Amino acid sequence: MKKITIFLSMCLLALVSCSGDDSQPAATGNGTRLVKIVSNLPNEGQYISTFHYNGIFLSHVIHSTGLRNVYSYTGMLITRSDVYNSANVLVKAQSYEYDDQERVVLCKSLNLVNSTGYKVVLTYDADGNAVVVEKFTGDLVNQDTPFDNKISKYFFEGELTVRKEITNLNTSEVTNYDLAYDVKNFSFKNIPGYSKILLAGASNAQTTQNLVLETEIDEDSSARTYSHTYTYNAMNYPLTSVFKDDSSGEVWGMDTFFYE
């Protein structure tokens, strides 16, 4: 199972122009608006990402890898991204489309370096309590080839994804994931539109709270659990997070959050 890291693994996002201040945000443990994440991954090293704003909106994120994500909004919804490398060359463009209920229905990502494309199509059921997620690959024009021969269905309770059902189309094998959350404030809570697009990203979970436990259940009913353990600031926003495979005891990642 891949590490579920909302920030590092999700789709790259962006804004049309980088009009905000590029200076380092004032990073402290207090406050409610996220300005920096320091991620430590065993055998991979440390990654630092700083968040910059234009008014209430996320303007861009600068990564220690040299990449810069620049975000674009239509109203309160994130609708487009441009990703630049350290030489300020555009390397990836990504867009989001929504239905009339402001639910993300399409995420399209174009890799301009290797001329490949990727898209995620989301189809909601009639009552809005579940969504089928399909992924496709291709070139910069068409993305029609199934990505991994899997189809996913996510189930909601309010604004939380509480269950994921992943079906392998080659073997018909079904793997379920049950998700549990804290009752604290989501670290990305005060970034407009951010929680909506998580459903189309690699994190595969729409949330307004912090994930604390994921239980993976295979067809043979064997279960494996993965946990996030947090500390919080006085405003009940995460200060630190440790992500662990409970079955093996292996720590997969440690994050530290800073706010303003």
C-alpha atoms as a PDB file:
ATOM      1  CA  MET A   1       0.000   0.000   0.000  1.00  0.00           C
ATOM      2  CA  LYS A   2       1.281   3.447  -0.844  1.00  0.00           C
ATOM      3  CA  LYS A   3       1.852   6.039   1.848  1.00  0.00           C
ATOM      4  CA  ILE A   4      -1.171   8.316   2.065  1.00  0.00           C
ATOM      5  CA  THR A   5       0.279  11.763   2.430  1.00  0.00           C
ATOM      6  CA  ILE A   6      -2.289  14.436   1.597  1.00  0.00           C
ATOM      7  CA  PHE A   7       0.312  16.982   0.611  1.00  0.00           C
ATOM      8  CA  LEU A   8       3.146  15.023  -1.011  1.00  0.00           C
ATOM      9  CA  SER A   9       1.099  12.470  -2.936  1.00  0.00           C
ATOM     10  CA  MET A  10      -1.831  14.434  -4.195  1.00  0.00           C
ATOM     11  CA  CYS A  11      -2.257  15.941  -7.692  1.00  0.00           C
ATOM     12  CA  LEU A  12      -0.090  18.984  -8.366  1.00  0.00           C
ATOM     13  CA  LEU A  13      -2.165  22.183  -8.350  1.00  0.00           C
ATOM     14  CA  ALA A  14      -1.609  25.771  -9.431  1.00  0.00           C
ATOM     15  CA  LEU A  15      -2.563  29.429 -10.071  1.00  0.00           C
ATOM     16  CA  VAL A  16      -2.332  31.545 -13.270  1.00  0.00           C
ATOM     17  CA  SER A  17       0.036  34.186 -11.938  1.00  0.00           C
ATOM     18  CA  CYS A  18       2.268  34.336  -8.915  1.00  0.00           C
ATOM     19  CA  SER A  19       1.269  37.715  -7.553  1.00  0.00           C
ATOM     20  CA  GLY A  20       1.809  36.982  -3.866  1.00  0.00           C
ATOM     21  CA  ASP A  21       4.879  37.732  -1.791  1.00  0.00           C
ATOM     22  CA  ASP A  22       7.646  35.138  -2.314  1.00  0.00           C
ATOM     23  CA  SER A  23       9.247  35.859   1.060  1.00  0.00           C
ATOM     24  CA  GLN A  24       9.338  33.071   3.664  1.00  0.00           C
ATOM     25  CA  PRO A  25       6.016  32.960   5.594  1.00  0.00           C
ATOM     26  CA  ALA A  26       6.177  33.576   9.317  1.00  0.00           C
ATOM     27  CA  ALA A  27       6.113  29.968  10.515  1.00  0.00           C
ATOM     28  CA  THR A  28       5.045  29.318  14.092  1.00  0.00           C
ATOM     29  CA  GLY A  29       3.235  26.594  15.962  1.00  0.00           C
ATOM     30  CA  ASN A  30       0.329  28.926  16.672  1.00  0.00           C
ATOM     31  CA  GLY A  31      -2.309  30.193  14.265  1.00  0.00           C
ATOM     32  CA  THR A  32      -4.746  28.506  11.905  1.00  0.00           C
ATOM     33  CA  ARG A  33      -3.487  29.060   8.344  1.00  0.00           C
ATOM     34  CA  LEU A  34      -0.895  26.603   7.083  1.00  0.00           C
ATOM     35  CA  VAL A  35       2.401  28.155   5.946  1.00  0.00           C
ATOM     36  CA  LYS A  36       4.918  25.309   6.032  1.00  0.00           C
ATOM     37  CA  ILE A  37       5.211  21.525   6.182  1.00  0.00           C
ATOM     38  CA  VAL A  38       8.452  19.717   6.961  1.00  0.00           C
ATOM     39  CA  SER A  39       8.195  16.050   5.945  1.00  0.00           C
ATOM     40  CA  ASN A  40      10.734  13.404   6.920  1.00  0.00           C
ATOM     41  CA  LEU A  41      10.478  10.137   4.999  1.00  0.00           C
ATOM     42  CA  PRO A  42      12.688   7.175   5.996  1.00  0.00           C
ATOM     43  CA  ASN A  43      15.247   6.354   3.295  1.00  0.00           C
ATOM     44  CA  GLU A  44      14.107   9.402   1.282  1.00  0.00           C
ATOM     45  CA  GLY A  45      15.150  12.375   3.378  1.00  0.00           C
ATOM     46  CA  GLN A  46      13.490  15.649   4.267  1.00  0.00           C
ATOM     47  CA  TYR A  47      11.110  17.720   2.148  1.00  0.00           C
ATOM     48  CA  ILE A  48      10.057  21.273   2.982  1.00  0.00           C
ATOM     49  CA  SER A  49       7.093  23.061   1.407  1.00  0.00           C
ATOM     50  CA  THR A  50       6.112  26.670   2.079  1.00  0.00           C
ATOM     51  CA  PHE A  51       2.632  28.040   1.357  1.00  0.00           C
ATOM     52  CA  HIS A  52       2.110  31.579   0.055  1.00  0.00           C
ATOM     53  CA  TYR A  53      -1.180  33.483  -0.192  1.00  0.00           C
ATOM     54  CA  ASN A  54      -2.819  36.285  -2.130  1.00  0.00           C
ATOM     55  CA  GLY A  55      -5.463  37.528   0.280  1.00  0.00           C
ATOM     56  CA  ILE A  56      -7.407  34.498   1.505  1.00  0.00           C
ATOM     57  CA  PHE A  57      -6.472  32.377  -1.523  1.00  0.00           C
ATOM     58  CA  LEU A  58      -3.517  30.041  -1.902  1.00  0.00           C
ATOM     59  CA  SER A  59      -1.191  31.620  -4.436  1.00  0.00           C
ATOM     60  CA  HIS A  60       1.674  29.146  -4.687  1.00  0.00           C
ATOM     61  CA  VAL A  61       3.674  26.485  -2.884  1.00  0.00           C
ATOM     62  CA  ILE A  62       7.466  26.336  -3.055  1.00  0.00           C
ATOM     63  CA  HIS A  63       9.112  22.944  -2.501  1.00  0.00           C
ATOM     64  CA  SER A  64      12.655  22.147  -1.432  1.00  0.00           C
ATOM     65  CA  THR A  65      12.826  19.872  -4.495  1.00  0.00           C
ATOM     66  CA  GLY A  66      12.857  23.013  -6.663  1.00  0.00           C
ATOM     67  CA  LEU A  67       9.288  22.687  -7.912  1.00  0.00           C
ATOM     68  CA  ARG A  68       6.762  25.505  -7.537  1.00  0.00           C
ATOM     69  CA  ASN A  69       2.995  24.942  -7.681  1.00  0.00           C
ATOM     70  CA  VAL A  70       0.990  28.007  -8.704  1.00  0.00           C
ATOM     71  CA  TYR A  71      -2.777  27.949  -8.038  1.00  0.00           C
ATOM     72  CA  SER A  72      -5.761  29.373  -9.907  1.00  0.00           C
ATOM     73  CA  TYR A  73      -9.290  29.928  -8.596  1.00  0.00           C
ATOM     74  CA  THR A  74     -12.696  30.527 -10.108  1.00  0.00           C
ATOM     75  CA  GLY A  75     -14.728  31.889  -7.250  1.00  0.00           C
ATOM     76  CA  MET A  76     -13.867  29.693  -4.249  1.00  0.00           C
ATOM     77  CA  LEU A  77     -12.898  26.654  -6.353  1.00  0.00           C
ATOM     78  CA  ILE A  78      -9.400  25.626  -7.441  1.00  0.00           C
ATOM     79  CA  THR A  79      -9.692  25.164 -11.201  1.00  0.00           C
ATOM     80  CA  ARG A  80      -6.188  25.109 -12.647  1.00  0.00           C
ATOM     81  CA  SER A  81      -2.510  24.523 -11.926  1.00  0.00           C
ATOM     82  CA  ASP A  82       0.856  25.258 -13.425  1.00  0.00           C
ATOM     83  CA  VAL A  83       3.950  23.540 -12.080  1.00  0.00           C
ATOM     84  CA  TYR A  84       7.357  25.072 -12.710  1.00  0.00           C
ATOM     85  CA  ASN A  85      10.814  23.631 -12.156  1.00  0.00           C
ATOM     86  CA  SER A  86      13.761  25.413 -10.559  1.00  0.00           C
ATOM     87  CA  ALA A  87      14.592  27.059 -13.922  1.00  0.00           C
ATOM     88  CA  ASN A  88      11.056  28.553 -13.987  1.00  0.00           C
ATOM     89  CA  VAL A  89      10.078  26.328 -16.910  1.00  0.00           C
ATOM     90  CA  LEU A  90       6.492  25.062 -17.054  1.00  0.00           C
ATOM     91  CA  VAL A  91       6.598  21.266 -16.652  1.00  0.00           C
ATOM     92  CA  LYS A  92       3.031  20.285 -15.783  1.00  0.00           C
ATOM     93  CA  ALA A  93      -0.437  21.790 -16.274  1.00  0.00           C
ATOM     94  CA  GLN A  94      -3.426  20.541 -14.368  1.00  0.00           C
ATOM     95  CA  SER A  95      -7.087  21.492 -14.397  1.00  0.00           C
ATOM     96  CA  TYR A  96     -10.227  20.692 -12.387  1.00  0.00           C
ATOM     97  CA  GLU A  97     -13.860  20.736 -13.454  1.00  0.00           C
ATOM     98  CA  TYR A  98     -16.914  20.768 -11.176  1.00  0.00           C
ATOM     99  CA  ASP A  99     -20.614  20.013 -11.411  1.00  0.00           C
ATOM    100  CA  ASP A 100     -23.406  22.397 -10.411  1.00  0.00           C
ATOM    101  CA  GLN A 101     -23.055  21.235  -6.802  1.00  0.00           C
ATOM    102  CA  GLU A 102     -19.388  22.290  -6.822  1.00  0.00           C
ATOM    103  CA  ARG A 103     -18.151  18.688  -6.672  1.00  0.00           C
ATOM    104  CA  VAL A 104     -15.004  17.854  -8.621  1.00  0.00           C
ATOM    105  CA  VAL A 105     -15.878  15.662 -11.627  1.00  0.00           C
ATOM    106  CA  LEU A 106     -12.683  15.796 -13.700  1.00  0.00           C
ATOM    107  CA  CYS A 107      -8.991  16.240 -13.024  1.00  0.00           C
ATOM    108  CA  LYS A 108      -6.695  16.427 -16.033  1.00  0.00           C
ATOM    109  CA  SER A 109      -2.896  16.535 -15.699  1.00  0.00           C
ATOM    110  CA  LEU A 110      -0.575  17.142 -18.653  1.00  0.00           C
ATOM    111  CA  ASN A 111       3.132  16.383 -18.295  1.00  0.00           C
ATOM    112  CA  LEU A 112       4.861  18.719 -20.740  1.00  0.00           C
ATOM    113  CA  VAL A 113       8.272  17.102 -20.237  1.00  0.00           C
ATOM    114  CA  ASN A 114       7.408  13.622 -21.497  1.00  0.00           C
ATOM    115  CA  SER A 115       4.243  14.580 -23.450  1.00  0.00           C
ATOM    116  CA  THR A 116       1.937  12.316 -21.455  1.00  0.00           C
ATOM    117  CA  GLY A 117      -1.513  12.968 -20.033  1.00  0.00           C
ATOM    118  CA  TYR A 118      -3.493  11.623 -17.089  1.00  0.00           C
ATOM    119  CA  LYS A 119      -7.095  12.177 -16.102  1.00  0.00           C
ATOM    120  CA  VAL A 120      -9.406  11.214 -13.267  1.00  0.00           C
ATOM    121  CA  VAL A 121     -13.159  10.998 -13.937  1.00  0.00           C
ATOM    122  CA  LEU A 122     -15.547  11.080 -10.959  1.00  0.00           C
ATOM    123  CA  THR A 123     -19.201   9.981 -11.229  1.00  0.00           C
ATOM    124  CA  TYR A 124     -21.465  10.515  -8.204  1.00  0.00           C
ATOM    125  CA  ASP A 125     -24.517   8.458  -7.307  1.00  0.00           C
ATOM    126  CA  ALA A 126     -27.971  10.012  -7.207  1.00  0.00           C
ATOM    127  CA  ASP A 127     -27.959  10.834  -3.496  1.00  0.00           C
ATOM    128  CA  GLY A 128     -24.340  12.025  -3.429  1.00  0.00           C
ATOM    129  CA  ASN A 129     -23.234   9.488  -0.820  1.00  0.00           C
ATOM    130  CA  ALA A 130     -20.736   7.711  -3.089  1.00  0.00           C
ATOM    131  CA  VAL A 131     -18.571   8.342  -6.134  1.00  0.00           C
ATOM    132  CA  VAL A 132     -16.962   6.070  -8.719  1.00  0.00           C
ATOM    133  CA  VAL A 133     -13.421   7.137  -9.631  1.00  0.00           C
ATOM    134  CA  GLU A 134     -11.813   6.046 -12.916  1.00  0.00           C
ATOM    135  CA  LYS A 135      -8.263   6.873 -14.038  1.00  0.00           C
ATOM    136  CA  PHE A 136      -6.902   7.072 -17.582  1.00  0.00           C
ATOM    137  CA  THR A 137      -3.593   7.804 -19.323  1.00  0.00           C
ATOM    138  CA  GLY A 138      -2.589   8.937 -22.802  1.00  0.00           C
ATOM    139  CA  ASP A 139      -0.899  11.836 -24.534  1.00  0.00           C
ATOM    140  CA  LEU A 140      -1.383  15.587 -24.247  1.00  0.00           C
ATOM    141  CA  VAL A 141      -4.572  15.456 -26.363  1.00  0.00           C
ATOM    142  CA  ASN A 142      -6.379  12.241 -25.429  1.00  0.00           C
ATOM    143  CA  GLN A 143      -6.374  10.181 -22.234  1.00  0.00           C
ATOM    144  CA  ASP A 144      -8.464   7.072 -22.901  1.00  0.00           C
ATOM    145  CA  THR A 145      -6.316   4.143 -21.727  1.00  0.00           C
ATOM    146  CA  PRO A 146      -7.283   2.727 -18.296  1.00  0.00           C
ATOM    147  CA  PHE A 147      -4.479   3.620 -15.901  1.00  0.00           C
ATOM    148  CA  ASP A 148      -4.149   0.522 -13.703  1.00  0.00           C
ATOM    149  CA  ASN A 149      -7.161  -1.650 -14.565  1.00  0.00           C
ATOM    150  CA  LYS A 150      -8.768  -0.723 -11.281  1.00  0.00           C
ATOM    151  CA  ILE A 151     -11.976   1.074 -10.469  1.00  0.00           C
ATOM    152  CA  SER A 152     -12.562   2.779  -7.150  1.00  0.00           C
ATOM    153  CA  LYS A 153     -15.730   3.646  -5.269  1.00  0.00           C
ATOM    154  CA  TYR A 154     -15.651   6.004  -2.303  1.00  0.00           C
ATOM    155  CA  PHE A 155     -18.396   6.367   0.293  1.00  0.00           C
ATOM    156  CA  PHE A 156     -19.145   9.558   2.230  1.00  0.00           C
ATOM    157  CA  GLU A 157     -20.578  10.630   5.537  1.00  0.00           C
ATOM    158  CA  GLY A 158     -21.072  14.354   5.196  1.00  0.00           C
ATOM    159  CA  GLU A 159     -17.791  15.804   3.938  1.00  0.00           C
ATOM    160  CA  LEU A 160     -15.692  12.791   4.950  1.00  0.00           C
ATOM    161  CA  THR A 161     -14.674   9.799   2.872  1.00  0.00           C
ATOM    162  CA  VAL A 162     -15.263   6.924   5.292  1.00  0.00           C
ATOM    163  CA  ARG A 163     -14.761   3.919   3.014  1.00  0.00           C
ATOM    164  CA  LYS A 164     -12.945   3.044  -0.197  1.00  0.00           C
ATOM    165  CA  GLU A 165     -13.703   0.009  -2.352  1.00  0.00           C
ATOM    166  CA  ILE A 166     -11.012  -0.830  -4.935  1.00  0.00           C
ATOM    167  CA  THR A 167     -11.825  -3.439  -7.597  1.00  0.00           C
ATOM    168  CA  ASN A 168      -9.125  -5.027  -9.762  1.00  0.00           C
ATOM    169  CA  LEU A 169     -10.767  -5.424 -13.169  1.00  0.00           C
ATOM    170  CA  ASN A 170      -8.343  -8.192 -14.181  1.00  0.00           C
ATOM    171  CA  THR A 171      -8.920 -10.446 -11.177  1.00  0.00           C
ATOM    172  CA  SER A 172     -12.219  -9.069  -9.788  1.00  0.00           C
ATOM    173  CA  GLU A 173     -10.481  -8.911  -6.407  1.00  0.00           C
ATOM    174  CA  VAL A 174     -11.940  -6.244  -4.111  1.00  0.00           C
ATOM    175  CA  THR A 175      -9.972  -4.466  -1.384  1.00  0.00           C
ATOM    176  CA  ASN A 176     -11.788  -2.270   1.132  1.00  0.00           C
ATOM    177  CA  TYR A 177     -10.402   0.560   3.229  1.00  0.00           C
ATOM    178  CA  ASP A 178     -12.216   1.958   6.258  1.00  0.00           C
ATOM    179  CA  LEU A 179     -11.144   5.472   7.282  1.00  0.00           C
ATOM    180  CA  ALA A 180     -11.441   7.075  10.720  1.00  0.00           C
ATOM    181  CA  TYR A 181     -10.758  10.705  11.647  1.00  0.00           C
ATOM    182  CA  ASP A 182     -10.119  12.899  14.655  1.00  0.00           C
ATOM    183  CA  VAL A 183     -12.519  15.655  15.702  1.00  0.00           C
ATOM    184  CA  LYS A 184      -9.884  18.384  15.384  1.00  0.00           C
ATOM    185  CA  ASN A 185      -9.221  20.940  12.625  1.00  0.00           C
ATOM    186  CA  PHE A 186      -7.865  19.733   9.291  1.00  0.00           C
ATOM    187  CA  SER A 187      -4.406  21.199   8.651  1.00  0.00           C
ATOM    188  CA  PHE A 188      -5.559  22.534   5.240  1.00  0.00           C
ATOM    189  CA  LYS A 189      -8.913  23.782   6.549  1.00  0.00           C
ATOM    190  CA  ASN A 190      -8.314  27.481   5.867  1.00  0.00           C
ATOM    191  CA  ILE A 191      -7.187  27.038   2.260  1.00  0.00           C
ATOM    192  CA  PRO A 192     -10.295  27.650   0.096  1.00  0.00           C
ATOM    193  CA  GLY A 193     -11.202  24.749  -2.181  1.00  0.00           C
ATOM    194  CA  TYR A 194      -8.431  22.441  -1.008  1.00  0.00           C
ATOM    195  CA  SER A 195     -10.502  19.676   0.585  1.00  0.00           C
ATOM    196  CA  LYS A 196     -12.642  19.301  -2.557  1.00  0.00           C
ATOM    197  CA  ILE A 197      -9.773  18.385  -4.879  1.00  0.00           C
ATOM    198  CA  LEU A 198      -8.296  15.723  -2.593  1.00  0.00           C
ATOM    199  CA  LEU A 199     -10.803  13.251  -4.002  1.00  0.00           C
ATOM    200  CA  ALA A 200      -9.161  13.514  -7.428  1.00  0.00           C
ATOM    201  CA  GLY A 201      -5.639  13.287  -6.036  1.00  0.00           C
ATOM    202  CA  ALA A 202      -3.542  10.316  -5.014  1.00  0.00           C
ATOM    203  CA  SER A 203      -4.732  10.698  -1.427  1.00  0.00           C
ATOM    204  CA  ASN A 204      -8.149   9.530  -2.695  1.00  0.00           C
ATOM    205  CA  ALA A 205     -10.016  10.966   0.258  1.00  0.00           C
ATOM    206  CA  GLN A 206     -12.194  14.012   0.656  1.00  0.00           C
ATOM    207  CA  THR A 207     -11.860  15.289   4.199  1.00  0.00           C
ATOM    208  CA  THR A 208     -12.348  18.214   6.546  1.00  0.00           C
ATOM    209  CA  GLN A 209     -10.669  16.424   9.459  1.00  0.00           C
ATOM    210  CA  ASN A 210      -7.369  14.611   9.999  1.00  0.00           C
ATOM    211  CA  LEU A 211      -7.098  10.932   9.108  1.00  0.00           C
ATOM    212  CA  VAL A 212      -6.097   8.880  12.181  1.00  0.00           C
ATOM    213  CA  LEU A 213      -6.681   5.276  11.122  1.00  0.00           C
ATOM    214  CA  GLU A 214      -7.010   3.347   7.863  1.00  0.00           C
ATOM    215  CA  THR A 215      -7.964  -0.325   7.914  1.00  0.00           C
ATOM    216  CA  GLU A 216      -7.227  -2.332   4.758  1.00  0.00           C
ATOM    217  CA  ILE A 217      -9.398  -5.445   4.353  1.00  0.00           C
ATOM    218  CA  ASP A 218      -8.679  -7.962   1.585  1.00  0.00           C
ATOM    219  CA  GLU A 219     -11.105 -10.501   0.123  1.00  0.00           C
ATOM    220  CA  ASP A 220      -9.868 -13.154   2.566  1.00  0.00           C
ATOM    221  CA  SER A 221     -10.932 -10.799   5.396  1.00  0.00           C
ATOM    222  CA  SER A 222      -7.341 -10.273   6.553  1.00  0.00           C
ATOM    223  CA  ALA A 223      -6.906  -6.760   7.947  1.00  0.00           C
ATOM    224  CA  ARG A 224      -3.966  -4.387   8.057  1.00  0.00           C
ATOM    225  CA  THR A 225      -4.039  -1.020   9.794  1.00  0.00           C
ATOM    226  CA  TYR A 226      -2.169   2.242   9.225  1.00  0.00           C
ATOM    227  CA  SER A 227      -2.267   5.038  11.777  1.00  0.00           C
ATOM    228  CA  HIS A 228      -1.540   8.755  12.026  1.00  0.00           C
ATOM    229  CA  THR A 229      -0.690  10.037  15.494  1.00  0.00           C
ATOM    230  CA  TYR A 230      -0.900  13.810  16.033  1.00  0.00           C
ATOM    231  CA  THR A 231      -0.008  16.526  18.466  1.00  0.00           C
ATOM    232  CA  TYR A 232      -2.022  19.756  18.238  1.00  0.00           C
ATOM    233  CA  ASN A 233      -1.632  23.466  18.895  1.00  0.00           C
ATOM    234  CA  ALA A 234      -3.921  25.502  21.135  1.00  0.00           C
ATOM    235  CA  MET A 235      -6.326  25.984  18.192  1.00  0.00           C
ATOM    236  CA  ASN A 236      -6.616  22.197  17.641  1.00  0.00           C
ATOM    237  CA  TYR A 237      -4.629  22.174  14.385  1.00  0.00           C
ATOM    238  CA  PRO A 238      -1.970  19.460  13.907  1.00  0.00           C
ATOM    239  CA  LEU A 239       1.580  20.341  14.941  1.00  0.00           C
ATOM    240  CA  THR A 240       3.142  16.951  14.242  1.00  0.00           C
ATOM    241  CA  SER A 241       2.030  13.728  12.586  1.00  0.00           C
ATOM    242  CA  VAL A 242       3.616  10.266  12.627  1.00  0.00           C
ATOM    243  CA  PHE A 243       2.401   7.801   9.992  1.00  0.00           C
ATOM    244  CA  LYS A 244       2.932   4.124  10.819  1.00  0.00           C
ATOM    245  CA  ASP A 245       2.148   0.664   9.502  1.00  0.00           C
ATOM    246  CA  ASP A 246       0.663  -0.791  12.680  1.00  0.00           C
ATOM    247  CA  SER A 247       1.056  -4.371  11.499  1.00  0.00           C
ATOM    248  CA  SER A 248       4.825  -4.139  11.069  1.00  0.00           C
ATOM    249  CA  GLY A 249       5.501  -1.206  13.387  1.00  0.00           C
ATOM    250  CA  GLU A 250       7.353   0.567  10.563  1.00  0.00           C
ATOM    251  CA  VAL A 251       7.188   4.366  10.561  1.00  0.00           C
ATOM    252  CA  TRP A 252       6.529   5.613   7.039  1.00  0.00           C
ATOM    253  CA  GLY A 253       6.663   9.354   7.586  1.00  0.00           C
ATOM    254  CA  MET A 254       6.796  12.225  10.052  1.00  0.00           C
ATOM    255  CA  ASP A 255       5.412  15.696   9.342  1.00  0.00           C
ATOM    256  CA  THR A 256       5.695  18.987  11.224  1.00  0.00           C
ATOM    257  CA  PHE A 257       3.172  21.773  10.494  1.00  0.00           C
ATOM    258  CA  PHE A 258       3.572  25.533  10.888  1.00  0.00           C
ATOM    259  CA  TYR A 259       0.849  28.186  10.817  1.00  0.00           C
ATOM    260  CA  GLU A 260       0.290  31.934  10.898  1.00  0.00           C
END
